[in-house]
C-alpha atoms as a PDB file:
ATOM      1  CA  MET A   1      26.369-234.021 129.217  1.00  0.00           C
ATOM      2  CA  GLN A   2      28.510-230.928 128.584  1.00  0.00           C
ATOM      3  CA  PRO A   3      27.171-228.170 126.436  1.00  0.00           C
ATOM      4  CA  VAL A   4      28.533-227.899 122.921  1.00  0.00           C
ATOM      5  CA  ILE A   5      30.241-224.622 122.102  1.00  0.00           C
ATOM      6  CA  PRO A   6      29.995-223.590 118.477  1.00  0.00           C
ATOM      7  CA  TYR A   7      33.324-223.317 116.624  1.00  0.00           C
ATOM      8  CA  ALA A   8      35.148-224.747 119.629  1.00  0.00           C
ATOM      9  CA  ASP A   9      37.649-226.562 117.407  1.00  0.00           C
ATOM     10  CA  LYS A  10      38.809-223.228 115.904  1.00  0.00           C
ATOM     11  CA  ILE A  11      39.492-221.579 119.248  1.00  0.00           C
ATOM     12  CA  THR A  12      43.019-221.909 120.566  1.00  0.00           C
ATOM     13  CA  PRO A  13      43.318-221.902 124.287  1.00  0.00           C
ATOM     14  CA  GLU A  14      45.253-218.935 125.662  1.00  0.00           C
ATOM     15  CA  PRO A  15      47.378-219.183 128.736  1.00  0.00           C
ATOM     16  CA  ILE A  16      46.236-217.336 131.763  1.00  0.00           C
ATOM     17  CA  LEU A  17      48.768-214.636 132.675  1.00  0.00           C
ATOM     18  CA  ASN A  18      48.822-211.895 135.166  1.00  0.00           C
ATOM     19  CA  ASN A  19      48.437-208.250 134.189  1.00  0.00           C
ATOM     20  CA  ASN A  20      52.202-207.460 133.791  1.00  0.00           C
ATOM     21  CA  ALA A  21      52.819-210.437 131.586  1.00  0.00           C
ATOM     22  CA  GLY A  22      49.924-209.342 129.435  1.00  0.00           C
ATOM     23  CA  ARG A  23      51.365-205.923 128.912  1.00  0.00           C
ATOM     24  CA  ASP A  24      54.850-207.284 127.962  1.00  0.00           C
ATOM     25  CA  THR A  25      53.423-209.711 125.508  1.00  0.00           C
ATOM     26  CA  LYS A  26      51.473-206.940 123.847  1.00  0.00           C
ATOM     27  CA  ALA A  27      54.600-204.704 123.501  1.00  0.00           C
ATOM     28  CA  ASP A  28      56.619-207.561 122.025  1.00  0.00           C
ATOM     29  CA  SER A  29      53.961-208.289 119.511  1.00  0.00           C
ATOM     30  CA  ILE A  30      53.856-204.606 118.442  1.00  0.00           C
ATOM     31  CA  ARG A  31      57.662-204.501 118.120  1.00  0.00           C
ATOM     32  CA  ASN A  32      57.754-207.682 116.069  1.00  0.00           C
ATOM     33  CA  SER A  33      55.064-206.396 113.747  1.00  0.00           C
ATOM     34  CA  TYR A  34      57.022-203.065 113.294  1.00  0.00           C
ATOM     35  CA  ASN A  35      60.257-204.880 112.561  1.00  0.00           C
ATOM     36  CA  SER A  36      58.546-207.111 110.071  1.00  0.00           C
ATOM     37  CA  GLN A  37      57.368-204.037 108.215  1.00  0.00           C
ATOM     38  CA  PHE A  38      60.639-201.901 108.478  1.00  0.00           C
ATOM     39  CA  LYS A  39      63.820-204.036 108.505  1.00  0.00           C
ATOM     40  CA  VAL A  40      66.978-202.360 110.050  1.00  0.00           C
ATOM     41  CA  GLY A  41      70.426-203.123 108.382  1.00  0.00           C
ATOM     42  CA  ILE A  42      72.059-203.523 104.950  1.00  0.00           C
ATOM     43  CA  TYR A  43      70.688-206.289 102.860  1.00  0.00           C
ATOM     44  CA  GLY A  44      70.695-207.344  99.278  1.00  0.00           C
ATOM     45  CA  TRP A  45      72.820-205.590  96.624  1.00  0.00           C
ATOM     46  CA  ARG A  46      73.860-202.809  99.030  1.00  0.00           C
ATOM     47  CA  LYS A  47      75.561-205.370 101.225  1.00  0.00           C
ATOM     48  CA  LYS A  48      77.397-206.821  98.244  1.00  0.00           C
ATOM     49  CA  CYS A  49      78.594-203.367  97.097  1.00  0.00           C
ATOM     50  CA  LEU A  50      79.839-202.616 100.611  1.00  0.00           C
ATOM     51  CA  TYR A  51      81.822-205.856 100.702  1.00  0.00           C
ATOM     52  CA  ILE A  52      83.290-205.119  97.238  1.00  0.00           C
ATOM     53  CA  LEU A  53      84.277-201.581  98.338  1.00  0.00           C
ATOM     54  CA  VAL A  54      85.925-202.836 101.516  1.00  0.00           C
ATOM     55  CA  MET A  55      87.879-205.463  99.574  1.00  0.00           C
ATOM     56  CA  ALA A  56      88.986-202.866  96.995  1.00  0.00           C
ATOM     57  CA  LEU A  57      90.206-200.528  99.765  1.00  0.00           C
ATOM     58  CA  MET A  58      92.107-203.375 101.416  1.00  0.00           C
ATOM     59  CA  PHE A  59      93.706-204.269  98.059  1.00  0.00           C
ATOM     60  CA  MET A  60      94.732-200.655  97.421  1.00  0.00           C
ATOM     61  CA  MET A  61      96.134-200.371 100.927  1.00  0.00           C
ATOM     62  CA  ILE A  62      98.251-203.481 100.385  1.00  0.00           C
ATOM     63  CA  ILE A  63      99.520-202.154  97.038  1.00  0.00           C
ATOM     64  CA  ASN A  64     100.392-198.746  98.576  1.00  0.00           C
ATOM     65  CA  LEU A  65     102.218-200.430 101.423  1.00  0.00           C
ATOM     66  CA  ALA A  66     104.166-202.606  99.006  1.00  0.00           C
ATOM     67  CA  LEU A  67     105.073-199.587  96.832  1.00  0.00           C
ATOM     68  CA  THR A  68     106.131-197.601  99.905  1.00  0.00           C
ATOM     69  CA  LEU A  69     108.394-200.423 101.055  1.00  0.00           C
ATOM     70  CA  TRP A  70     109.824-200.716  97.521  1.00  0.00           C
ATOM     71  CA  VAL A  71     110.569-196.961  97.365  1.00  0.00           C
ATOM     72  CA  LEU A  72     112.215-197.083 100.770  1.00  0.00           C
ATOM     73  CA  LYS A  73     114.323-200.016  99.606  1.00  0.00           C
ATOM     74  CA  VAL A  74     115.327-198.410  96.297  1.00  0.00           C
ATOM     75  CA  LEU A  75     116.178-195.011  97.804  1.00  0.00           C
ATOM     76  CA  ASP A  76     117.954-196.678 100.693  1.00  0.00           C
ATOM     77  CA  PHE A  77     116.202-194.833 103.475  1.00  0.00           C
ATOM     78  CA  ASN A  78     117.761-195.351 106.870  1.00  0.00           C
ATOM     79  CA  SER A  79     118.022-193.631 110.217  1.00  0.00           C
ATOM     80  CA  GLU A  80     120.933-191.422 109.028  1.00  0.00           C
ATOM     81  CA  GLY A  81     119.482-190.199 105.743  1.00  0.00           C
ATOM     82  CA  MET A  82     118.716-191.414 102.243  1.00  0.00           C
ATOM     83  CA  GLY A  83     121.221-193.393 100.178  1.00  0.00           C
ATOM     84  CA  GLN A  84     124.505-191.487  99.985  1.00  0.00           C
ATOM     85  CA  LEU A  85     122.881-188.421 101.511  1.00  0.00           C
ATOM     86  CA  ARG A  86     123.473-188.175 105.238  1.00  0.00           C
ATOM     87  CA  ILE A  87     121.963-185.780 107.739  1.00  0.00           C
ATOM     88  CA  VAL A  88     124.780-184.402 109.851  1.00  0.00           C
ATOM     89  CA  PRO A  89     124.823-181.634 112.449  1.00  0.00           C
ATOM     90  CA  GLY A  90     124.670-178.340 110.594  1.00  0.00           C
ATOM     91  CA  GLY A  91     123.545-179.604 107.179  1.00  0.00           C
ATOM     92  CA  LEU A  92     123.631-182.477 104.714  1.00  0.00           C
ATOM     93  CA  GLN A  93     126.554-184.646 103.626  1.00  0.00           C
ATOM     94  CA  LEU A  94     126.684-186.186 100.155  1.00  0.00           C
ATOM     95  CA  LEU A  95     129.094-189.076  99.680  1.00  0.00           C
ATOM     96  CA  GLY A  96     128.783-189.360  95.889  1.00  0.00           C
ATOM     97  CA  GLN A  97     127.532-187.249  92.979  1.00  0.00           C
ATOM     98  CA  ALA A  98     124.435-185.047  93.005  1.00  0.00           C
ATOM     99  CA  LEU A  99     122.339-184.048  89.982  1.00  0.00           C
ATOM    100  CA  VAL A 100     120.531-180.728  90.461  1.00  0.00           C
ATOM    101  CA  LEU A 101     117.607-180.411  88.041  1.00  0.00           C
ATOM    102  CA  ASP A 102     116.721-176.836  88.975  1.00  0.00           C
ATOM    103  CA  SER A 103     118.139-174.212  91.308  1.00  0.00           C
ATOM    104  CA  LEU A 104     120.295-174.971  94.340  1.00  0.00           C
ATOM    105  CA  PHE A 105     120.167-172.616  97.322  1.00  0.00           C
ATOM    106  CA  ALA A 106     122.778-173.065 100.024  1.00  0.00           C
ATOM    107  CA  SER A 107     124.733-170.876 102.390  1.00  0.00           C
ATOM    108  CA  SER A 108     127.895-173.005 102.166  1.00  0.00           C
ATOM    109  CA  ILE A 109     129.144-175.838  99.937  1.00  0.00           C
ATOM    110  CA  LYS A 110     132.289-177.619 101.088  1.00  0.00           C
ATOM    111  CA  SER A 111     134.053-180.814 100.080  1.00  0.00           C
ATOM    112  CA  ARG A 112     135.103-183.546 102.423  1.00  0.00           C
ATOM    113  CA  ARG A 113     138.497-183.206 104.008  1.00  0.00           C
ATOM    114  CA  GLY A 114     141.160-184.391 101.606  1.00  0.00           C
ATOM    115  CA  HIS A 115     138.784-184.617  98.626  1.00  0.00           C
ATOM    116  CA  PRO A 116     138.284-182.140  95.759  1.00  0.00           C
ATOM    117  CA  ILE A 117     134.960-180.673  94.694  1.00  0.00           C
ATOM    118  CA  ALA A 118     133.827-180.454  91.061  1.00  0.00           C
ATOM    119  CA  ILE A 119     130.843-178.526  89.665  1.00  0.00           C
ATOM    120  CA  GLU A 120     129.885-179.465  86.104  1.00  0.00           C
ATOM    121  CA  SER A 121     127.205-178.129  83.783  1.00  0.00           C
ATOM    122  CA  SER A 122     126.245-179.246  80.290  1.00  0.00           C
ATOM    123  CA  ARG A 123     125.583-175.668  79.073  1.00  0.00           C
ATOM    124  CA  ASN A 124     126.641-172.855  81.394  1.00  0.00           C
ATOM    125  CA  PHE A 125     127.261-172.188  85.064  1.00  0.00           C
ATOM    126  CA  THR A 126     126.040-169.097  86.900  1.00  0.00           C
ATOM    127  CA  VAL A 127     126.599-167.971  90.487  1.00  0.00           C
ATOM    128  CA  SER A 128     124.721-164.898  91.726  1.00  0.00           C
ATOM    129  CA  THR A 129     124.438-162.972  94.982  1.00  0.00           C
ATOM    130  CA  ARG A 130     121.541-160.726  95.911  1.00  0.00           C
ATOM    131  CA  ASP A 131     120.991-157.952  98.424  1.00  0.00           C
ATOM    132  CA  ALA A 132     118.292-157.714 101.067  1.00  0.00           C
ATOM    133  CA  HIS A 133     115.796-156.419  98.490  1.00  0.00           C
ATOM    134  CA  GLY A 134     116.398-159.309  96.073  1.00  0.00           C
ATOM    135  CA  PHE A 135     118.403-157.412  93.472  1.00  0.00           C
ATOM    136  CA  VAL A 136     121.475-159.043  91.940  1.00  0.00           C
ATOM    137  CA  GLN A 137     124.680-157.549  93.369  1.00  0.00           C
ATOM    138  CA  SER A 138     127.286-159.709  91.642  1.00  0.00           C
ATOM    139  CA  ARG A 139     127.197-162.505  89.102  1.00  0.00           C
ATOM    140  CA  LEU A 140     129.673-165.060  87.778  1.00  0.00           C
ATOM    141  CA  TYR A 141     128.821-166.552  84.379  1.00  0.00           C
ATOM    142  CA  LEU A 142     130.845-169.380  82.868  1.00  0.00           C
ATOM    143  CA  GLY A 143     129.775-170.313  79.341  1.00  0.00           C
ATOM    144  CA  HIS A 144     131.229-172.478  76.606  1.00  0.00           C
ATOM    145  CA  ASP A 145     133.173-169.569  75.089  1.00  0.00           C
ATOM    146  CA  ARG A 146     133.546-166.854  77.727  1.00  0.00           C
ATOM    147  CA  LEU A 147     133.794-166.020  81.411  1.00  0.00           C
ATOM    148  CA  GLU A 148     131.910-162.975  82.694  1.00  0.00           C
ATOM    149  CA  VAL A 149     132.167-161.411  86.137  1.00  0.00           C
ATOM    150  CA  ASN A 150     129.737-158.592  86.917  1.00  0.00           C
ATOM    151  CA  VAL A 151     130.922-156.887  90.103  1.00  0.00           C
ATOM    152  CA  ALA A 152     131.690-153.371  91.278  1.00  0.00           C
ATOM    153  CA  ARG A 153     135.341-154.277  91.967  1.00  0.00           C
ATOM    154  CA  LEU A 154     137.334-157.411  91.120  1.00  0.00           C
ATOM    155  CA  GLU A 155     140.252-158.423  93.358  1.00  0.00           C
ATOM    156  CA  ILE A 156     142.673-161.330  93.094  1.00  0.00           C
ATOM    157  CA  ARG A 157     144.776-161.996  96.185  1.00  0.00           C
ATOM    158  CA  ASP A 158     147.477-164.476  97.100  1.00  0.00           C
ATOM    159  CA  SER A 159     147.421-166.960  99.963  1.00  0.00           C
ATOM    160  CA  ARG A 160     148.688-164.303 102.388  1.00  0.00           C
ATOM    161  CA  GLY A 161     145.986-161.812 101.454  1.00  0.00           C
ATOM    162  CA  GLY A 162     148.174-159.558  99.340  1.00  0.00           C
ATOM    163  CA  LEU A 163     146.573-157.862  96.358  1.00  0.00           C
ATOM    164  CA  LEU A 164     147.737-159.260  93.021  1.00  0.00           C
ATOM    165  CA  LEU A 165     145.192-157.701  90.680  1.00  0.00           C
ATOM    166  CA  GLY A 166     142.440-155.212  91.322  1.00  0.00           C
ATOM    167  CA  ALA A 167     140.011-153.869  88.735  1.00  0.00           C
ATOM    168  CA  SER A 168     137.252-151.316  89.127  1.00  0.00           C
ATOM    169  CA  HIS A 169     135.476-148.720  87.021  1.00  0.00           C
ATOM    170  CA  ASP A 170     138.209-146.157  87.688  1.00  0.00           C
ATOM    171  CA  ALA A 171     141.492-148.077  87.423  1.00  0.00           C
ATOM    172  CA  VAL A 172     143.243-151.431  87.238  1.00  0.00           C
ATOM    173  CA  THR A 173     145.799-152.104  89.978  1.00  0.00           C
ATOM    174  CA  ILE A 174     148.566-154.697  89.703  1.00  0.00           C
ATOM    175  CA  GLY A 175     150.038-155.459  93.101  1.00  0.00           C
ATOM    176  CA  ALA A 176     152.593-158.074  92.019  1.00  0.00           C
ATOM    177  CA  ASP A 177     156.291-157.239  92.014  1.00  0.00           C
ATOM    178  CA  ASN A 178     156.693-157.969  88.291  1.00  0.00           C
ATOM    179  CA  LEU A 179     154.351-157.992  85.303  1.00  0.00           C
ATOM    180  CA  PHE A 180     155.399-160.479  82.614  1.00  0.00           C
ATOM    181  CA  ILE A 181     153.837-160.405  79.140  1.00  0.00           C
ATOM    182  CA  SER A 182     154.827-163.574  77.293  1.00  0.00           C
ATOM    183  CA  SER A 183     152.943-162.875  74.072  1.00  0.00           C
ATOM    184  CA  PRO A 184     155.207-162.674  70.982  1.00  0.00           C
ATOM    185  CA  ALA A 185     153.381-159.530  69.850  1.00  0.00           C
ATOM    186  CA  GLY A 186     154.021-157.810  73.160  1.00  0.00           C
ATOM    187  CA  ALA A 187     151.577-155.434  74.819  1.00  0.00           C
ATOM    188  CA  ALA A 188     149.509-152.878  72.889  1.00  0.00           C
ATOM    189  CA  PHE A 189     148.225-149.716  74.613  1.00  0.00           C
ATOM    190  CA  ASN A 190     145.778-147.433  72.833  1.00  0.00           C
ATOM    191  CA  THR A 191     146.366-144.540  75.234  1.00  0.00           C
ATOM    192  CA  ALA A 192     149.085-143.450  77.642  1.00  0.00           C
ATOM    193  CA  VAL A 193     150.959-145.748  80.029  1.00  0.00           C
ATOM    194  CA  GLN A 194     152.215-144.375  83.327  1.00  0.00           C
ATOM    195  CA  THR A 195     154.853-146.460  85.099  1.00  0.00           C
ATOM    196  CA  PRO A 196     158.040-145.757  87.097  1.00  0.00           C
ATOM    197  CA  LEU A 197     160.022-148.556  85.446  1.00  0.00           C
ATOM    198  CA  VAL A 198     159.938-150.555  82.210  1.00  0.00           C
ATOM    199  CA  LYS A 199     162.354-153.492  82.339  1.00  0.00           C
ATOM    200  CA  ALA A 200     162.980-156.530  80.165  1.00  0.00           C
ATOM    201  CA  PRO A 201     163.362-159.964  81.770  1.00  0.00           C
ATOM    202  CA  PRO A 202     166.852-161.439  82.104  1.00  0.00           C
ATOM    203  CA  SER A 203     168.500-162.428  78.795  1.00  0.00           C
ATOM    204  CA  LYS A 204     165.687-160.744  76.850  1.00  0.00           C
ATOM    205  CA  GLN A 205     165.577-157.579  74.777  1.00  0.00           C
ATOM    206  CA  LEU A 206     163.388-154.585  75.532  1.00  0.00           C
ATOM    207  CA  MET A 207     161.819-152.863  72.544  1.00  0.00           C
ATOM    208  CA  LEU A 208     159.521-149.841  72.580  1.00  0.00           C
ATOM    209  CA  GLU A 209     157.907-149.505  69.173  1.00  0.00           C
ATOM    210  CA  SER A 210     155.116-147.533  67.556  1.00  0.00           C
ATOM    211  CA  PRO A 211     154.475-149.114  64.122  1.00  0.00           C
ATOM    212  CA  THR A 212     152.102-146.482  62.720  1.00  0.00           C
ATOM    213  CA  ARG A 213     152.248-143.432  65.015  1.00  0.00           C
ATOM    214  CA  SER A 214     154.756-141.598  67.171  1.00  0.00           C
ATOM    215  CA  LEU A 215     156.333-142.698  70.444  1.00  0.00           C
ATOM    216  CA  GLU A 216     156.692-140.130  73.179  1.00  0.00           C
ATOM    217  CA  MET A 217     158.198-140.308  76.654  1.00  0.00           C
ATOM    218  CA  HIS A 218     157.515-137.546  79.188  1.00  0.00           C
ATOM    219  CA  ALA A 219     158.738-137.123  82.736  1.00  0.00           C
ATOM    220  CA  SER A 220     158.597-134.252  85.197  1.00  0.00           C
ATOM    221  CA  GLN A 221     162.241-134.741  86.287  1.00  0.00           C
ATOM    222  CA  THR A 222     164.488-137.282  84.556  1.00  0.00           C
ATOM    223  CA  ILE A 223     164.283-139.918  81.824  1.00  0.00           C
ATOM    224  CA  SER A 224     166.981-142.560  82.112  1.00  0.00           C
ATOM    225  CA  LEU A 225     167.804-145.194  79.503  1.00  0.00           C
ATOM    226  CA  GLU A 226     170.196-147.835  80.814  1.00  0.00           C
ATOM    227  CA  SER A 227     171.582-151.059  79.445  1.00  0.00           C
ATOM    228  CA  ARG A 228     173.889-152.830  81.864  1.00  0.00           C
ATOM    229  CA  ALA A 229     175.144-155.589  79.577  1.00  0.00           C
ATOM    230  CA  GLY A 230     174.225-154.631  76.023  1.00  0.00           C
ATOM    231  CA  ASP A 231     173.479-151.897  73.530  1.00  0.00           C
ATOM    232  CA  ILE A 232     170.789-149.250  73.266  1.00  0.00           C
ATOM    233  CA  SER A 233     169.525-148.704  69.741  1.00  0.00           C
ATOM    234  CA  ALA A 234     167.124-146.034  68.506  1.00  0.00           C
ATOM    235  CA  SER A 235     166.036-145.882  64.858  1.00  0.00           C
ATOM    236  CA  CYS A 236     163.520-143.871  62.890  1.00  0.00           C
ATOM    237  CA  LEU A 237     162.491-143.289  59.288  1.00  0.00           C
ATOM    238  CA  THR A 238     162.989-139.535  58.886  1.00  0.00           C
ATOM    239  CA  ASN A 239     164.531-137.387  61.630  1.00  0.00           C
ATOM    240  CA  PHE A 240     165.920-138.226  65.070  1.00  0.00           C
ATOM    241  CA  LYS A 241     165.890-135.149  67.313  1.00  0.00           C
ATOM    242  CA  LEU A 242     167.518-134.472  70.664  1.00  0.00           C
ATOM    243  CA  ARG A 243     166.444-131.110  72.065  1.00  0.00           C
ATOM    244  CA  SER A 244     167.102-129.481  75.401  1.00  0.00           C
ATOM    245  CA  THR A 245     165.170-126.316  76.202  1.00  0.00           C
ATOM    246  CA  ALA A 246     167.023-124.987  79.240  1.00  0.00           C
ATOM    247  CA  GLY A 247     170.041-127.255  79.510  1.00  0.00           C
ATOM    248  CA  SER A 248     172.525-129.120  77.377  1.00  0.00           C
ATOM    249  CA  ILE A 249     172.878-132.479  75.677  1.00  0.00           C
ATOM    250  CA  ARG A 250     175.862-134.454  76.906  1.00  0.00           C
ATOM    251  CA  LEU A 251     177.373-137.512  75.282  1.00  0.00           C
ATOM    252  CA  ASP A 252     179.556-139.097  77.971  1.00  0.00           C
ATOM    253  CA  ALA A 253     181.460-142.006  76.431  1.00  0.00           C
ATOM    254  CA  PRO A 254     185.097-142.892  75.738  1.00  0.00           C
ATOM    255  CA  SER A 255     184.347-143.242  72.026  1.00  0.00           C
ATOM    256  CA  ILE A 256     181.710-141.610  69.867  1.00  0.00           C
ATOM    257  CA  TYR A 257     181.363-142.941  66.320  1.00  0.00           C
ATOM    258  CA  MET A 258     179.658-141.220  63.409  1.00  0.00           C
ATOM    259  CA  PRO A 259     180.499-143.539  60.534  1.00  0.00           C
ATOM    260  CA  LYS A 260     178.306-141.998  57.809  1.00  0.00           C
ATOM    261  CA  LEU A 261     179.295-138.351  57.957  1.00  0.00           C
ATOM    262  CA  LYS A 262     180.116-136.714  54.656  1.00  0.00           C
ATOM    263  CA  SER A 263     183.692-135.593  53.977  1.00  0.00           C
ATOM    264  CA  ALA A 264     184.261-132.192  52.439  1.00  0.00           C
ATOM    265  CA  LEU A 265     186.851-131.688  49.733  1.00  0.00           C
ATOM    266  CA  PRO A 266     189.829-129.822  51.117  1.00  0.00           C
ATOM    267  CA  LEU A 267     190.541-126.240  50.107  1.00  0.00           C
ATOM    268  CA  PRO A 268     193.698-125.549  48.128  1.00  0.00           C
ATOM    269  CA  PRO A 269     196.567-125.757  50.638  1.00  0.00           C
ATOM    270  CA  PRO A 270     198.881-122.795  51.071  1.00  0.00           C
ATOM    271  CA  ALA A 271     202.285-122.968  49.418  1.00  0.00           C
ATOM    272  CA  SER A 272     204.011-123.086  52.750  1.00  0.00           C
ATOM    273  CA  HIS A 273     202.164-126.249  53.824  1.00  0.00           C
ATOM    274  CA  THR A 274     203.488-129.499  52.578  1.00  0.00           C
ATOM    275  CA  HIS A 275     201.435-132.636  52.136  1.00  0.00           C
ATOM    276  CA  ASP A 276     201.776-135.028  55.108  1.00  0.00           C
ATOM    277  CA  PRO A 277     200.832-138.631  54.275  1.00  0.00           C
ATOM    278  CA  HIS A 278     200.323-139.451  57.986  1.00  0.00           C
ATOM    279  CA  HIS A 279     197.336-137.092  58.178  1.00  0.00           C
ATOM    280  CA  GLN A 280     195.316-138.711  55.398  1.00  0.00           C
ATOM    281  CA  ASN A 281     192.795-140.405  57.793  1.00  0.00           C
ATOM    282  CA  ILE A 282     192.584-137.578  60.286  1.00  0.00           C
ATOM    283  CA  TYR A 283     189.698-135.125  60.022  1.00  0.00           C
ATOM    284  CA  GLN A 284     188.211-132.326  61.988  1.00  0.00           C
ATOM    285  CA  LEU A 285     184.498-132.232  62.819  1.00  0.00           C
ATOM    286  CA  CYS A 286     182.774-129.205  61.388  1.00  0.00           C
ATOM    287  CA  ALA A 287     179.189-127.944  61.520  1.00  0.00           C
ATOM    288  CA  CYS A 288     177.130-126.059  59.014  1.00  0.00           C
ATOM    289  CA  ALA A 289     174.948-123.096  59.827  1.00  0.00           C
ATOM    290  CA  ASN A 290     171.898-125.358  59.984  1.00  0.00           C
ATOM    291  CA  GLY A 291     173.644-127.706  62.462  1.00  0.00           C
ATOM    292  CA  LYS A 292     174.577-130.435  60.039  1.00  0.00           C
ATOM    293  CA  LEU A 293     177.956-132.073  60.734  1.00  0.00           C
ATOM    294  CA  PHE A 294     180.613-132.950  58.222  1.00  0.00           C
ATOM    295  CA  LEU A 295     184.281-133.861  58.156  1.00  0.00           C
ATOM    296  CA  ALA A 296     187.068-131.600  56.924  1.00  0.00           C
ATOM    297  CA  PRO A 297     190.842-131.967  56.583  1.00  0.00           C
ATOM    298  CA  PRO A 298     192.764-131.528  59.824  1.00  0.00           C
ATOM    299  CA  HIS A 299     194.614-128.447  58.610  1.00  0.00           C
ATOM    300  CA  GLY A 300     192.926-125.210  57.761  1.00  0.00           C
ATOM    301  CA  VAL A 301     189.491-123.826  58.446  1.00  0.00           C
ATOM    302  CA  CYS A 302     186.254-125.853  58.765  1.00  0.00           C
ATOM    303  CA  ALA A 303     185.105-125.216  55.268  1.00  0.00           C
ATOM    304  CA  ALA A 304     184.575-127.087  52.046  1.00  0.00           C
ATOM    305  CA  ARG A 305     184.757-126.263  48.407  1.00  0.00           C
ATOM    306  CA  GLU A 306     181.125-127.252  47.843  1.00  0.00           C
ATOM    307  CA  GLU A 307     179.590-126.237  51.130  1.00  0.00           C
ATOM    308  CA  SER A 308     176.167-125.851  49.591  1.00  0.00           C
ATOM    309  CA  LEU A 309     176.164-129.540  48.705  1.00  0.00           C
ATOM    310  CA  ILE A 310     177.423-130.649  52.087  1.00  0.00           C
ATOM    311  CA  CYS A 311     175.090-128.559  54.221  1.00  0.00           C
ATOM    312  CA  ARG A 312     171.855-128.884  52.302  1.00  0.00           C
END
């Protein structure tokens, strides 16, 4: 009869292992007990939040990609540029219209060959140049009621480079062959005008007039008034004077008319002289002591009965 071992039904038989197997089994049991106490990983609500965050990032990435593709489609991006804007060697080429919202900085703006260029502004248009220190050297301002050019010297030249008009602080130079003023009122000068020639256009009259002041002409050598196909007229309100200081005044013409000279009454003729009816319209030109001219009968001395009335 075998001996009865107390509590034998509660004892579980253990397998017989060697020493190494015993040590491994002990380490595994310690590791399993540690993992059961401290779990490694994301579990519970943290795992759900991570999944929600990843899904939200994926959704935003898809939306950004779709928006990027839409912008590229709308702006017509391609390998050559964007829309009507092309990248060419040396700069950019615009095939249509451009709207500049702020400032535009460029070293050169040119139109396509055979096409014009137009610059339009709703208020005003300003072009400025600056020096190396950033100060404005020249400026062109085009407003709704005026055009201003701020430069040290303004020059207008023709296609061959010849100077047509030059203006500076000292003087204004006109390089054209002729200066035409088509205004009905003519040209008004507040000060002196120095010119070698004043000429009217063909089939037009030339008039030099000073409405409120005097008109003077000075020359160091000669003043010449010439009319090749018409008359020369000079009129004034009070006195018209011709004076020569060191020379003489010459009237070189086949006929000289003085229609408004006064005629003096003839002196009593001598008894020997008879009245000739053929000499009724013939007079002699006489001068008073003050230089005033009058007409007298052809016979006799240059005198009048009432000389005080004629010469005053």
